[in-house]
Amino acid sequence: MSLTTNRSEKIGYSSQPSCPCCYFDQPNFLPFFLLQGNEDSTDADGGEMLSPREALEQIKEYAAAKNDGGGEAERTNKGVWLVDTHGHPQLNQESDGEKYHQNEDADRMEKPAGLVELACAVSPNDWQATLAYAAQSPHIRPALGVHPWYLEDLPDGWLHDLEALLRQHSRAVVGEIGLCKMARFLRTFPQGKLAALQLQRQVFLDQFQLAARLQRPVSVHCVDQHRVFLTALQELRDGIPPSETQGAPNNNDEDDTPLFPPAVAMHSFTGTAHHVKKLLEFETTIQKQQKNVKFYFGFSHIVNVDMSSSEKSRRQGREAIQAVPRDRLLAESDVHSTGNVAAGTAGAVSYLAFALEEPLQQVAERLASNGLAFLNTGIPTSTDTAHEL
């Protein structure tokens, strides 16, 4: 029995909470998402968004036609039409909602390599399960890391173990890591909230700098901590030692250790257009120290649509998307079951097409290309397929 199954059985699921704040008090491995209230997917101007299933069907039809006809996009994406750059399908937990569910056959596009996915671990307890899940197909990439919610019981030597696994698996991404003010353990940590936040920052920086040393892409969870996140990056850039970090190198003028991972994906981005602007401005300031560092911005239907409960948050989400350069946008499923990956990713494509007011097929092509670029940044690729593990 896998570690994931053991953990799922141990934790279990309780009934869905009645408000967004309360689900962080639930003893779930990952939160329930509020899947009602936005079913019509209509904005104030009356525009409509395709549902995840409708979007998936249209993308499949378009992919089949393009693959039959060939063309520049087909050669560029090597037959890939959906790239999920963040999900947790290895958990096999049916908590995503019926709108994302597909049968197992539908989880793979009919054409070869139609769907590429990134399976993200959340703690040392599911690193091996994530690697086992990714080993099922050359079109699944693993990501290994410690999520900012699950820090209380980290074993001694966890960072050494993480580095060893990443070196063993040269095509693995680092993630899911990050900073989060909503983490339940901030309220339950025995040493108090301040100590919990310091621990969270320490664990984040340890992993971020590990990704930099190994030059791996990284997937970052950042909720209500955008200023803290940017400050931490500025301190790395300016050579200020992270006083709370253990095991991270002390970068200086004589040290050629990279300061930053080559690609940083902001997972299910909930910041504003202002935050997008600030991160892109920061990117330009580090080009002399380390060229070709890129920030990407991922969006998912399950977070950015289903959990967006007001017109103000929906408007801010669209404005943030519109502030991102087209080649830095990513689609994410953020689902927790393998049968939901395809529709979850298609739902993200639908949301981005809706926000950009561009055709679904055009956005799908761009996001697939962006997703492959992110996943392959700094990672050796074969001569046959750009997404092969």
Foldseek 3Di string as FASTA:
>chain_A
DALLVVVCVVQDDDDADDDPLCQLVHSHPDGFFQQPQQVQCAAPVGDGFDQLVRLLVVQLVVLVVCVVVPDDLCVLLVSEQFEAEDAAALNADPRQDPSQFDPLVSLDRPDPLHYAYEHEDAAPSCPVSQVVVQVVFQRYAYAYAHALQPQQDHDPCNLVVRLVVCVVVVLYAHDDAEAEPSRSVCPVPPVHNVVSRLSSVQRRQSRFLSLQQSQHEYEYEYYPCLVVVVVVLVCLLVQNDPVSYDPHDRDDPVDLRGSGRLEYEHEQDQDFLVSVVVVVVVVVVCCVSPNRRYYAYEHWCSPQPRNQNDSVSVVRVLRNLVSDPLLRYEFHLHYHHSSRGSSRRSNSLSSSCSSVVHDSSVSSSSNSSSSLCSSQRPGDADPPHSSGD
